[in-house]
């Protein structure tokens, strides 16, 4: 099970996640997010992950080419374009700058569910309100879950990730609010517990 811990801003939490067994660490640089990282915070997470896990820049309100240049300049491994702001042309523009781009969306947008439909490396399916911590109805995926490298996100926590994985069998999982004690404030203990629960699924 591929595990991504998102919304990190410190080297300490990146080290905790990776040492616990996470395969990716995400940094959010949306203009309006409570988890928004500064360029300096992003750099320390990228440095902590280098050669050990994928570092993923997550954006939902930057132009795709601007986001891709930011990912390139800060030396992220992956750019994740998240939500309704992006279309197939945006993914092409981003991939012209950085080779690895992921598509993050939710079922309420009626997206194509084929991994790679817009040229992305991986697909992430999230709750209708990303970053809210709200759980969502997974029954819509029961008969049409994507094939290949796709991640489940949205309302996951150490307590429910095992059930979610057994329900829809994703290739990987992504968490942010489910390992926080307050908005934007990560817990090392919850990170370790999530990775352990997901890895055991």
N, C-alpha and C. Protein backbone atom coordinates (compact mmCIF):
# COMPACT_ATOMS: atom_id res chain seq x y z
N UNK A 1 0.84 -1.19 0.00
CA UNK A 1 0.00 0.00 0.00
C UNK A 1 0.88 1.24 0.00
N UNK A 2 0.71 2.06 -1.03
CA UNK A 2 1.45 3.31 -1.15
C UNK A 2 0.78 4.35 -0.24
N UNK A 3 1.56 5.00 0.60
CA UNK A 3 1.01 5.93 1.58
C UNK A 3 1.63 7.31 1.38
N UNK A 4 0.77 8.32 1.28
CA UNK A 4 1.21 9.71 1.16
C UNK A 4 0.68 10.50 2.35
N UNK A 5 1.58 11.22 3.02
CA UNK A 5 1.22 12.11 4.11
C UNK A 5 1.32 13.53 3.57
N UNK A 6 0.23 14.26 3.58
CA UNK A 6 0.17 15.56 2.90
C UNK A 6 0.06 16.71 3.90
N UNK A 7 0.36 17.90 3.41
CA UNK A 7 0.23 19.10 4.21
C UNK A 7 1.38 19.32 5.18
N UNK A 8 2.56 18.79 4.86
CA UNK A 8 3.70 18.92 5.76
C UNK A 8 4.43 20.24 5.53
N UNK A 9 5.03 20.74 6.62
CA UNK A 9 5.77 22.00 6.54
C UNK A 9 7.10 21.94 7.29
N UNK A 10 7.40 20.81 7.92
CA UNK A 10 8.65 20.72 8.69
C UNK A 10 9.43 19.47 8.31
N UNK A 11 10.74 19.58 8.46
CA UNK A 11 11.60 18.42 8.22
C UNK A 11 11.29 17.32 9.23
N UNK A 12 11.01 17.69 10.48
CA UNK A 12 10.74 16.69 11.51
C UNK A 12 9.56 15.79 11.13
N UNK A 13 8.47 16.39 10.68
CA UNK A 13 7.32 15.58 10.31
C UNK A 13 7.58 14.77 9.04
N UNK A 14 8.35 15.31 8.13
CA UNK A 14 8.73 14.53 6.95
C UNK A 14 9.54 13.31 7.36
N UNK A 15 10.50 13.50 8.27
CA UNK A 15 11.31 12.36 8.74
C UNK A 15 10.44 11.33 9.45
N UNK A 16 9.52 11.81 10.29
CA UNK A 16 8.62 10.88 10.99
C UNK A 16 7.83 10.05 9.99
N UNK A 17 7.24 10.72 8.99
CA UNK A 17 6.43 10.01 8.00
C UNK A 17 7.25 8.97 7.25
N UNK A 18 8.42 9.36 6.79
CA UNK A 18 9.24 8.45 5.98
C UNK A 18 9.77 7.30 6.82
N UNK A 19 10.21 7.60 8.03
CA UNK A 19 10.71 6.54 8.90
C UNK A 19 9.61 5.57 9.30
N UNK A 20 8.36 6.06 9.33
CA UNK A 20 7.23 5.17 9.63
C UNK A 20 6.88 4.28 8.44
N UNK A 21 7.34 4.66 7.25
CA UNK A 21 7.08 3.84 6.07
C UNK A 21 6.30 4.53 4.96
N UNK A 22 6.03 5.84 5.09
CA UNK A 22 5.32 6.54 4.01
C UNK A 22 6.18 6.59 2.76
N UNK A 23 5.51 6.54 1.62
CA UNK A 23 6.19 6.55 0.33
C UNK A 23 6.24 7.94 -0.30
N UNK A 24 5.43 8.87 0.23
CA UNK A 24 5.39 10.22 -0.33
C UNK A 24 5.03 11.20 0.77
N UNK A 25 5.55 12.42 0.62
CA UNK A 25 5.17 13.53 1.50
C UNK A 25 4.71 14.68 0.62
N UNK A 26 3.61 15.29 1.02
CA UNK A 26 3.03 16.37 0.23
C UNK A 26 3.16 17.71 0.92
N UNK A 27 3.36 18.74 0.11
CA UNK A 27 3.44 20.11 0.58
C UNK A 27 2.39 20.92 -0.17
N UNK A 28 1.53 21.62 0.57
CA UNK A 28 0.46 22.41 -0.02
C UNK A 28 0.93 23.86 -0.18
N UNK A 29 0.76 24.39 -1.38
CA UNK A 29 1.12 25.79 -1.61
C UNK A 29 -0.02 26.56 -2.26
N UNK A 30 -1.27 26.17 -1.91
CA UNK A 30 -2.42 26.97 -2.32
C UNK A 30 -2.37 28.32 -1.63
N UNK A 31 -2.92 29.32 -2.28
CA UNK A 31 -2.88 30.67 -1.70
C UNK A 31 -3.72 30.78 -0.43
N UNK A 32 -4.78 29.98 -0.31
CA UNK A 32 -5.75 30.19 0.77
C UNK A 32 -5.78 29.06 1.81
N UNK A 33 -4.92 28.08 1.73
CA UNK A 33 -4.99 26.93 2.63
C UNK A 33 -4.37 27.22 3.99
N UNK A 34 -4.97 26.64 5.04
CA UNK A 34 -4.38 26.73 6.38
C UNK A 34 -3.09 25.93 6.46
N UNK A 35 -2.86 25.08 5.49
CA UNK A 35 -1.64 24.26 5.45
C UNK A 35 -0.60 24.83 4.49
N UNK A 36 -0.84 26.03 4.00
CA UNK A 36 0.05 26.60 3.00
C UNK A 36 1.49 26.70 3.53
N UNK A 37 2.42 26.19 2.76
CA UNK A 37 3.83 26.26 3.11
C UNK A 37 4.50 27.41 2.39
N UNK A 38 5.49 27.99 3.03
CA UNK A 38 6.33 28.98 2.36
C UNK A 38 7.36 28.25 1.50
N UNK A 39 8.00 28.93 0.57
CA UNK A 39 9.07 28.28 -0.19
C UNK A 39 10.16 27.69 0.70
N UNK A 40 10.52 28.37 1.77
CA UNK A 40 11.56 27.84 2.66
C UNK A 40 11.08 26.57 3.35
N UNK A 41 9.81 26.55 3.79
CA UNK A 41 9.28 25.34 4.41
C UNK A 41 9.22 24.20 3.40
N UNK A 42 8.83 24.52 2.18
CA UNK A 42 8.80 23.49 1.13
C UNK A 42 10.18 22.89 0.90
N UNK A 43 11.18 23.73 0.87
CA UNK A 43 12.54 23.25 0.61
C UNK A 43 13.01 22.26 1.68
N UNK A 44 12.68 22.52 2.94
CA UNK A 44 13.17 21.60 3.98
C UNK A 44 12.47 20.25 3.88
N UNK A 45 11.20 20.24 3.48
CA UNK A 45 10.50 18.96 3.30
C UNK A 45 11.08 18.21 2.10
N UNK A 46 11.31 18.91 1.01
CA UNK A 46 11.90 18.28 -0.17
C UNK A 46 13.27 17.71 0.17
N UNK A 47 14.06 18.45 0.88
CA UNK A 47 15.40 17.98 1.26
C UNK A 47 15.31 16.74 2.14
N UNK A 48 14.38 16.73 3.09
CA UNK A 48 14.22 15.58 3.97
C UNK A 48 13.80 14.33 3.20
N UNK A 49 13.03 14.52 2.14
CA UNK A 49 12.51 13.38 1.39
C UNK A 49 13.45 12.88 0.31
N UNK A 50 14.41 13.69 -0.08
CA UNK A 50 15.22 13.37 -1.26
C UNK A 50 15.86 11.99 -1.15
N UNK A 51 15.60 11.17 -2.17
CA UNK A 51 16.16 9.84 -2.22
C UNK A 51 15.49 8.83 -1.31
N UNK A 52 14.47 9.27 -0.58
CA UNK A 52 13.81 8.39 0.40
C UNK A 52 12.32 8.22 0.12
N UNK A 53 11.68 9.25 -0.43
CA UNK A 53 10.24 9.22 -0.70
C UNK A 53 9.95 10.27 -1.76
N UNK A 54 8.80 10.13 -2.42
CA UNK A 54 8.37 11.15 -3.39
C UNK A 54 7.99 12.42 -2.65
N UNK A 55 8.48 13.55 -3.12
CA UNK A 55 8.02 14.86 -2.62
C UNK A 55 7.02 15.41 -3.63
N UNK A 56 5.84 15.81 -3.13
CA UNK A 56 4.72 16.18 -3.99
C UNK A 56 4.26 17.60 -3.67
N UNK A 57 4.29 18.47 -4.66
CA UNK A 57 3.73 19.81 -4.52
C UNK A 57 2.26 19.76 -4.89
N UNK A 58 1.38 20.21 -3.97
CA UNK A 58 -0.06 20.16 -4.16
C UNK A 58 -0.59 21.58 -4.33
N UNK A 59 -1.31 21.81 -5.43
CA UNK A 59 -1.89 23.13 -5.68
C UNK A 59 -3.31 22.98 -6.23
N UNK A 60 -4.16 24.00 -5.96
CA UNK A 60 -5.47 24.02 -6.59
C UNK A 60 -5.88 25.40 -7.09
N UNK A 61 -5.02 26.40 -6.87
CA UNK A 61 -5.41 27.74 -7.29
C UNK A 61 -4.27 28.52 -7.95
N UNK A 62 -3.27 27.81 -8.43
CA UNK A 62 -2.21 28.42 -9.23
C UNK A 62 -2.37 27.98 -10.67
N UNK A 63 -2.01 28.83 -11.61
CA UNK A 63 -1.99 28.41 -13.01
C UNK A 63 -1.06 27.22 -13.15
N UNK A 64 -1.42 26.29 -14.03
CA UNK A 64 -0.67 25.04 -14.14
C UNK A 64 0.79 25.28 -14.48
N UNK A 65 1.06 26.22 -15.39
CA UNK A 65 2.46 26.45 -15.76
C UNK A 65 3.23 27.09 -14.61
N UNK A 66 2.58 27.99 -13.85
CA UNK A 66 3.23 28.59 -12.68
C UNK A 66 3.51 27.53 -11.63
N UNK A 67 2.55 26.65 -11.40
CA UNK A 67 2.73 25.57 -10.43
C UNK A 67 3.88 24.66 -10.85
N UNK A 68 3.94 24.35 -12.14
CA UNK A 68 5.00 23.46 -12.63
C UNK A 68 6.37 24.11 -12.47
N UNK A 69 6.47 25.39 -12.74
CA UNK A 69 7.75 26.07 -12.56
C UNK A 69 8.15 26.08 -11.09
N UNK A 70 7.16 26.26 -10.20
CA UNK A 70 7.45 26.23 -8.77
C UNK A 70 7.95 24.85 -8.35
N UNK A 71 7.29 23.81 -8.84
CA UNK A 71 7.72 22.45 -8.54
C UNK A 71 9.13 22.20 -9.04
N UNK A 72 9.42 22.66 -10.23
CA UNK A 72 10.77 22.49 -10.80
C UNK A 72 11.80 23.25 -10.00
N UNK A 73 11.51 24.50 -9.68
CA UNK A 73 12.49 25.35 -9.01
C UNK A 73 12.77 24.88 -7.59
N UNK A 74 11.75 24.33 -6.93
CA UNK A 74 11.93 23.84 -5.56
C UNK A 74 12.36 22.37 -5.53
N UNK A 75 12.50 21.77 -6.71
CA UNK A 75 13.02 20.41 -6.87
C UNK A 75 12.10 19.33 -6.31
N UNK A 76 10.78 19.55 -6.40
CA UNK A 76 9.83 18.49 -6.08
C UNK A 76 9.93 17.37 -7.11
N UNK A 77 9.60 16.17 -6.66
CA UNK A 77 9.54 15.03 -7.59
C UNK A 77 8.28 15.05 -8.43
N UNK A 78 7.18 15.54 -7.85
CA UNK A 78 5.85 15.41 -8.44
C UNK A 78 5.07 16.71 -8.25
N UNK A 79 4.24 17.05 -9.25
CA UNK A 79 3.26 18.13 -9.12
C UNK A 79 1.87 17.50 -9.12
N UNK A 80 1.06 17.84 -8.10
CA UNK A 80 -0.33 17.37 -8.03
C UNK A 80 -1.25 18.55 -8.29
N UNK A 81 -1.98 18.50 -9.42
CA UNK A 81 -2.97 19.52 -9.76
C UNK A 81 -4.32 19.04 -9.24
N UNK A 82 -4.95 19.85 -8.40
CA UNK A 82 -6.08 19.38 -7.63
C UNK A 82 -7.34 20.18 -7.94
N UNK A 83 -8.36 19.50 -8.47
CA UNK A 83 -9.67 20.09 -8.53
C UNK A 83 -10.12 20.66 -9.86
N UNK A 84 -11.20 21.42 -9.78
CA UNK A 84 -11.95 21.85 -10.95
C UNK A 84 -11.24 22.93 -11.75
N UNK A 85 -10.19 23.53 -11.19
CA UNK A 85 -9.52 24.63 -11.89
C UNK A 85 -8.73 24.16 -13.10
N UNK A 86 -8.51 22.84 -13.21
CA UNK A 86 -7.60 22.34 -14.24
C UNK A 86 -8.32 21.44 -15.24
N UNK A 87 -7.90 21.56 -16.50
CA UNK A 87 -8.40 20.72 -17.56
C UNK A 87 -7.26 20.00 -18.26
N UNK A 88 -7.61 19.26 -19.28
CA UNK A 88 -6.59 18.44 -19.95
C UNK A 88 -5.45 19.29 -20.51
N UNK A 89 -5.76 20.51 -20.97
CA UNK A 89 -4.71 21.37 -21.51
C UNK A 89 -3.73 21.79 -20.43
N UNK A 90 -4.22 21.95 -19.20
CA UNK A 90 -3.34 22.33 -18.10
C UNK A 90 -2.35 21.22 -17.77
N UNK A 91 -2.80 20.00 -17.87
CA UNK A 91 -1.88 18.89 -17.61
C UNK A 91 -0.80 18.81 -18.68
N UNK A 92 -1.17 19.08 -19.90
CA UNK A 92 -0.16 19.10 -20.97
C UNK A 92 0.84 20.23 -20.73
N UNK A 93 0.35 21.39 -20.32
CA UNK A 93 1.25 22.52 -20.05
C UNK A 93 2.19 22.20 -18.90
N UNK A 94 1.67 21.56 -17.85
CA UNK A 94 2.51 21.23 -16.70
C UNK A 94 3.56 20.19 -17.08
N UNK A 95 3.15 19.18 -17.84
CA UNK A 95 4.08 18.11 -18.20
C UNK A 95 5.18 18.58 -19.16
N UNK A 96 4.96 19.71 -19.80
CA UNK A 96 6.02 20.27 -20.63
C UNK A 96 7.15 20.86 -19.78
N UNK A 97 6.87 21.06 -18.48
CA UNK A 97 7.85 21.66 -17.57
C UNK A 97 8.38 20.64 -16.57
N UNK A 98 7.50 19.81 -16.03
CA UNK A 98 7.91 18.76 -15.08
C UNK A 98 7.39 17.42 -15.58
N UNK A 99 8.15 16.35 -15.46
CA UNK A 99 7.73 15.08 -16.07
C UNK A 99 6.64 14.34 -15.31
N UNK A 100 6.54 14.55 -14.00
CA UNK A 100 5.61 13.75 -13.20
C UNK A 100 4.49 14.65 -12.67
N UNK A 101 3.27 14.40 -13.15
CA UNK A 101 2.10 15.19 -12.75
C UNK A 101 0.99 14.23 -12.35
N UNK A 102 0.38 14.50 -11.21
CA UNK A 102 -0.76 13.71 -10.74
C UNK A 102 -2.03 14.54 -10.86
N UNK A 103 -3.15 13.85 -11.08
CA UNK A 103 -4.47 14.50 -11.17
C UNK A 103 -5.27 14.15 -9.92
N UNK A 104 -5.75 15.17 -9.20
CA UNK A 104 -6.59 14.96 -8.02
C UNK A 104 -7.96 15.57 -8.29
N UNK A 105 -8.99 14.80 -7.99
CA UNK A 105 -10.35 15.23 -8.31
C UNK A 105 -11.32 14.55 -7.35
N UNK A 106 -12.61 14.81 -7.53
CA UNK A 106 -13.63 14.14 -6.72
C UNK A 106 -14.77 13.68 -7.63
N UNK A 107 -15.53 12.72 -7.15
CA UNK A 107 -16.59 12.15 -7.98
C UNK A 107 -17.67 13.15 -8.32
N UNK A 108 -17.87 14.18 -7.49
CA UNK A 108 -18.92 15.13 -7.78
C UNK A 108 -18.62 15.97 -9.03
N UNK A 109 -17.37 15.94 -9.50
CA UNK A 109 -17.01 16.63 -10.74
C UNK A 109 -17.20 15.75 -11.97
N UNK A 110 -17.65 14.51 -11.75
CA UNK A 110 -17.85 13.53 -12.83
C UNK A 110 -16.61 13.43 -13.72
N UNK A 111 -15.47 13.14 -13.10
CA UNK A 111 -14.22 13.13 -13.87
C UNK A 111 -14.05 11.81 -14.62
N UNK A 112 -13.19 11.80 -15.62
CA UNK A 112 -12.79 10.50 -16.18
C UNK A 112 -12.03 9.73 -15.11
N UNK A 113 -12.36 8.47 -14.93
CA UNK A 113 -11.76 7.67 -13.87
C UNK A 113 -10.63 6.79 -14.34
N UNK A 114 -10.23 6.93 -15.58
CA UNK A 114 -9.10 6.16 -16.08
C UNK A 114 -7.80 6.85 -15.67
N UNK A 115 -6.92 6.11 -15.02
CA UNK A 115 -5.62 6.68 -14.67
C UNK A 115 -4.88 6.99 -15.97
N UNK A 116 -4.43 8.23 -16.10
CA UNK A 116 -3.75 8.65 -17.31
C UNK A 116 -4.64 9.29 -18.34
N UNK A 117 -5.92 9.48 -18.03
CA UNK A 117 -6.86 10.04 -19.01
C UNK A 117 -6.44 11.42 -19.49
N UNK A 118 -5.80 12.20 -18.61
CA UNK A 118 -5.33 13.53 -18.99
C UNK A 118 -3.81 13.60 -19.02
N UNK A 119 -3.19 12.44 -19.17
CA UNK A 119 -1.74 12.40 -19.24
C UNK A 119 -1.05 12.32 -17.89
N UNK A 120 -1.83 12.17 -16.82
CA UNK A 120 -1.24 12.14 -15.48
C UNK A 120 -0.60 10.79 -15.19
N UNK A 121 0.37 10.82 -14.29
CA UNK A 121 1.02 9.58 -13.85
C UNK A 121 0.13 8.78 -12.92
N UNK A 122 -0.51 9.49 -11.99
CA UNK A 122 -1.38 8.85 -11.02
C UNK A 122 -2.62 9.69 -10.81
N UNK A 123 -3.68 9.04 -10.32
CA UNK A 123 -4.96 9.69 -10.06
C UNK A 123 -5.26 9.62 -8.57
N UNK A 124 -5.76 10.72 -8.01
CA UNK A 124 -6.17 10.76 -6.61
C UNK A 124 -7.63 11.16 -6.54
N UNK A 125 -8.43 10.36 -5.84
CA UNK A 125 -9.86 10.66 -5.66
C UNK A 125 -10.09 11.13 -4.24
N UNK A 126 -10.65 12.35 -4.13
CA UNK A 126 -10.78 13.03 -2.85
C UNK A 126 -12.24 13.31 -2.54
N UNK A 127 -12.48 13.81 -1.34
CA UNK A 127 -13.82 14.25 -0.94
C UNK A 127 -14.22 15.48 -1.74
N UNK A 128 -15.53 15.79 -1.78
CA UNK A 128 -15.96 16.99 -2.50
C UNK A 128 -15.32 18.28 -2.00
N UNK A 129 -15.02 18.34 -0.68
CA UNK A 129 -14.32 19.51 -0.14
C UNK A 129 -12.95 19.09 0.33
N UNK A 130 -11.94 19.15 -0.55
CA UNK A 130 -10.61 18.68 -0.20
C UNK A 130 -10.06 19.39 1.02
N UNK A 131 -9.38 18.63 1.87
CA UNK A 131 -8.76 19.21 3.05
C UNK A 131 -9.69 19.45 4.21
N UNK A 132 -10.98 19.12 4.03
CA UNK A 132 -11.96 19.39 5.08
C UNK A 132 -11.94 18.35 6.19
N UNK A 133 -11.40 17.18 5.88
CA UNK A 133 -11.45 16.09 6.84
C UNK A 133 -12.76 15.34 6.84
N UNK A 134 -13.68 15.72 5.96
CA UNK A 134 -14.99 15.08 5.91
C UNK A 134 -14.88 13.73 5.19
N UNK A 135 -15.53 12.72 5.78
CA UNK A 135 -15.62 11.45 5.08
C UNK A 135 -16.63 11.57 3.95
N UNK A 136 -16.57 10.66 2.98
CA UNK A 136 -17.50 10.71 1.87
C UNK A 136 -17.94 9.30 1.51
N UNK A 137 -19.02 9.24 0.77
CA UNK A 137 -19.66 7.97 0.45
C UNK A 137 -18.84 7.23 -0.61
N UNK A 138 -18.25 6.12 -0.22
CA UNK A 138 -17.40 5.36 -1.14
C UNK A 138 -18.19 4.37 -2.00
N UNK A 139 -19.50 4.29 -1.77
CA UNK A 139 -20.26 3.30 -2.52
C UNK A 139 -20.25 3.59 -4.02
N UNK A 140 -20.07 4.86 -4.38
CA UNK A 140 -19.99 5.20 -5.80
C UNK A 140 -18.79 4.61 -6.50
N UNK A 141 -17.82 4.15 -5.72
CA UNK A 141 -16.63 3.52 -6.30
C UNK A 141 -16.71 2.00 -6.31
N UNK A 142 -17.72 1.46 -5.65
CA UNK A 142 -17.76 0.02 -5.47
C UNK A 142 -17.66 -0.75 -6.78
N UNK A 143 -18.35 -0.27 -7.82
CA UNK A 143 -18.38 -0.99 -9.10
C UNK A 143 -17.57 -0.32 -10.19
N UNK A 144 -16.94 0.83 -9.88
CA UNK A 144 -16.20 1.51 -10.93
C UNK A 144 -14.90 2.14 -10.43
N UNK A 145 -14.29 1.48 -9.47
CA UNK A 145 -13.00 1.97 -8.98
C UNK A 145 -11.98 1.93 -10.13
N UNK A 146 -11.12 2.93 -10.20
CA UNK A 146 -10.12 2.93 -11.26
C UNK A 146 -9.20 1.72 -11.16
N UNK A 147 -8.55 1.41 -12.26
CA UNK A 147 -7.50 0.40 -12.25
C UNK A 147 -6.16 1.11 -12.30
N UNK A 148 -5.14 0.47 -11.79
CA UNK A 148 -3.81 1.07 -11.86
C UNK A 148 -3.49 1.87 -10.62
N UNK A 149 -2.61 2.83 -10.78
CA UNK A 149 -2.05 3.56 -9.65
C UNK A 149 -2.93 4.76 -9.28
N UNK A 150 -3.89 4.49 -8.39
CA UNK A 150 -4.76 5.58 -7.92
C UNK A 150 -4.81 5.57 -6.40
N UNK A 151 -4.95 6.77 -5.84
CA UNK A 151 -4.94 6.96 -4.40
C UNK A 151 -6.31 7.42 -3.93
N UNK A 152 -6.70 6.92 -2.77
CA UNK A 152 -7.93 7.33 -2.11
C UNK A 152 -7.59 8.37 -1.05
N UNK A 153 -8.37 9.44 -0.98
CA UNK A 153 -8.17 10.50 0.00
C UNK A 153 -9.53 11.00 0.47
N UNK A 154 -9.51 11.85 1.49
CA UNK A 154 -10.75 12.48 1.94
C UNK A 154 -11.31 11.84 3.19
N UNK A 155 -11.07 12.45 4.35
CA UNK A 155 -11.65 11.97 5.59
C UNK A 155 -11.01 10.73 6.16
N UNK A 156 -9.85 10.33 5.64
CA UNK A 156 -9.19 9.15 6.18
C UNK A 156 -8.48 9.49 7.49
N UNK A 157 -8.36 8.47 8.33
CA UNK A 157 -7.70 8.62 9.63
C UNK A 157 -7.14 7.26 10.02
N UNK A 158 -6.34 7.20 11.08
CA UNK A 158 -5.88 5.89 11.53
C UNK A 158 -7.03 4.94 11.86
N UNK A 159 -8.16 5.48 12.30
CA UNK A 159 -9.28 4.65 12.73
C UNK A 159 -10.06 4.05 11.57
N UNK A 160 -10.10 4.73 10.42
CA UNK A 160 -10.99 4.24 9.34
C UNK A 160 -10.28 3.85 8.06
N UNK A 161 -8.97 4.03 7.97
CA UNK A 161 -8.31 3.76 6.70
C UNK A 161 -8.39 2.28 6.34
N UNK A 162 -8.32 1.40 7.32
CA UNK A 162 -8.40 -0.03 7.01
C UNK A 162 -9.72 -0.41 6.37
N UNK A 163 -10.82 0.11 6.91
CA UNK A 163 -12.14 -0.17 6.34
C UNK A 163 -12.26 0.42 4.94
N UNK A 164 -11.78 1.64 4.75
CA UNK A 164 -11.85 2.27 3.44
C UNK A 164 -11.07 1.47 2.40
N UNK A 165 -9.90 1.01 2.77
CA UNK A 165 -9.09 0.23 1.83
C UNK A 165 -9.78 -1.08 1.47
N UNK A 166 -10.36 -1.74 2.46
CA UNK A 166 -11.03 -3.01 2.16
C UNK A 166 -12.28 -2.82 1.32
N UNK A 167 -12.88 -1.62 1.38
CA UNK A 167 -14.09 -1.35 0.62
C UNK A 167 -13.82 -1.13 -0.85
N UNK A 168 -12.80 -0.35 -1.18
CA UNK A 168 -12.59 0.01 -2.60
C UNK A 168 -11.23 -0.40 -3.16
N UNK A 169 -10.36 -0.94 -2.33
CA UNK A 169 -9.07 -1.49 -2.77
C UNK A 169 -8.26 -0.52 -3.63
N UNK A 170 -7.93 0.65 -3.12
CA UNK A 170 -7.08 1.57 -3.88
C UNK A 170 -5.64 1.04 -3.93
N UNK A 171 -4.88 1.61 -4.85
CA UNK A 171 -3.44 1.30 -4.92
C UNK A 171 -2.69 2.01 -3.81
N UNK A 172 -3.22 3.17 -3.38
CA UNK A 172 -2.58 3.94 -2.32
C UNK A 172 -3.58 4.80 -1.59
N UNK A 173 -3.12 5.44 -0.52
CA UNK A 173 -3.97 6.34 0.27
C UNK A 173 -3.21 7.62 0.57
N UNK A 174 -3.99 8.68 0.82
CA UNK A 174 -3.44 10.01 1.09
C UNK A 174 -4.19 10.58 2.29
N UNK A 175 -3.44 11.21 3.21
CA UNK A 175 -4.08 11.80 4.39
C UNK A 175 -3.44 13.15 4.69
N UNK A 176 -4.26 14.06 5.22
CA UNK A 176 -3.75 15.33 5.73
C UNK A 176 -4.43 15.65 7.05
N UNK A 177 -5.70 16.04 7.03
CA UNK A 177 -6.38 16.43 8.27
C UNK A 177 -6.49 15.27 9.26
N UNK A 178 -6.51 14.04 8.77
CA UNK A 178 -6.64 12.89 9.64
C UNK A 178 -5.44 12.61 10.52
N UNK A 179 -4.35 13.35 10.29
CA UNK A 179 -3.17 13.21 11.15
C UNK A 179 -2.83 14.56 11.80
N UNK A 180 -3.88 15.36 12.02
CA UNK A 180 -3.71 16.67 12.64
C UNK A 180 -4.45 16.75 13.98
N UNK A 181 -3.92 17.57 14.88
CA UNK A 181 -4.59 17.86 16.14
C UNK A 181 -5.32 19.19 16.09
N UNK A 182 -5.04 19.98 15.06
CA UNK A 182 -5.72 21.25 14.77
C UNK A 182 -5.42 21.54 13.31
N UNK A 183 -6.22 22.40 12.65
CA UNK A 183 -5.98 22.67 11.24
C UNK A 183 -4.54 23.11 10.97
N UNK A 184 -3.85 22.32 10.16
CA UNK A 184 -2.48 22.64 9.79
C UNK A 184 -1.44 22.18 10.79
N UNK A 185 -1.86 21.58 11.91
CA UNK A 185 -0.91 21.17 12.96
C UNK A 185 -0.83 19.64 13.02
N UNK A 186 0.24 19.10 12.45
CA UNK A 186 0.40 17.66 12.37
C UNK A 186 0.81 17.06 13.71
N UNK A 187 0.47 15.78 13.88
CA UNK A 187 0.84 15.01 15.06
C UNK A 187 1.74 13.86 14.62
N UNK A 188 2.93 13.78 15.18
CA UNK A 188 3.83 12.67 14.85
C UNK A 188 3.20 11.33 15.21
N UNK A 189 2.52 11.26 16.35
CA UNK A 189 1.90 10.00 16.77
C UNK A 189 0.81 9.58 15.79
N UNK A 190 0.00 10.54 15.31
CA UNK A 190 -1.05 10.20 14.36
C UNK A 190 -0.47 9.81 13.00
N UNK A 191 0.61 10.45 12.60
CA UNK A 191 1.26 10.06 11.35
C UNK A 191 1.72 8.61 11.43
N UNK A 192 2.38 8.27 12.51
CA UNK A 192 2.86 6.89 12.67
C UNK A 192 1.69 5.91 12.70
N UNK A 193 0.63 6.27 13.41
CA UNK A 193 -0.53 5.38 13.50
C UNK A 193 -1.20 5.20 12.15
N UNK A 194 -1.28 6.27 11.36
CA UNK A 194 -1.91 6.15 10.05
C UNK A 194 -1.10 5.25 9.15
N UNK A 195 0.19 5.48 9.08
CA UNK A 195 1.04 4.65 8.20
C UNK A 195 0.93 3.18 8.61
N UNK A 196 0.95 2.91 9.90
CA UNK A 196 0.84 1.52 10.37
C UNK A 196 -0.50 0.91 9.97
N UNK A 197 -1.59 1.65 10.15
CA UNK A 197 -2.91 1.13 9.83
C UNK A 197 -3.06 0.92 8.33
N UNK A 198 -2.59 1.86 7.53
CA UNK A 198 -2.70 1.72 6.08
C UNK A 198 -1.84 0.57 5.58
N UNK A 199 -0.65 0.44 6.12
CA UNK A 199 0.26 -0.61 5.67
C UNK A 199 -0.25 -1.99 6.02
N UNK A 200 -1.05 -2.08 7.08
CA UNK A 200 -1.59 -3.37 7.50
C UNK A 200 -2.85 -3.75 6.72
N UNK A 201 -3.37 -2.84 5.92
CA UNK A 201 -4.64 -3.07 5.22
C UNK A 201 -4.47 -4.05 4.06
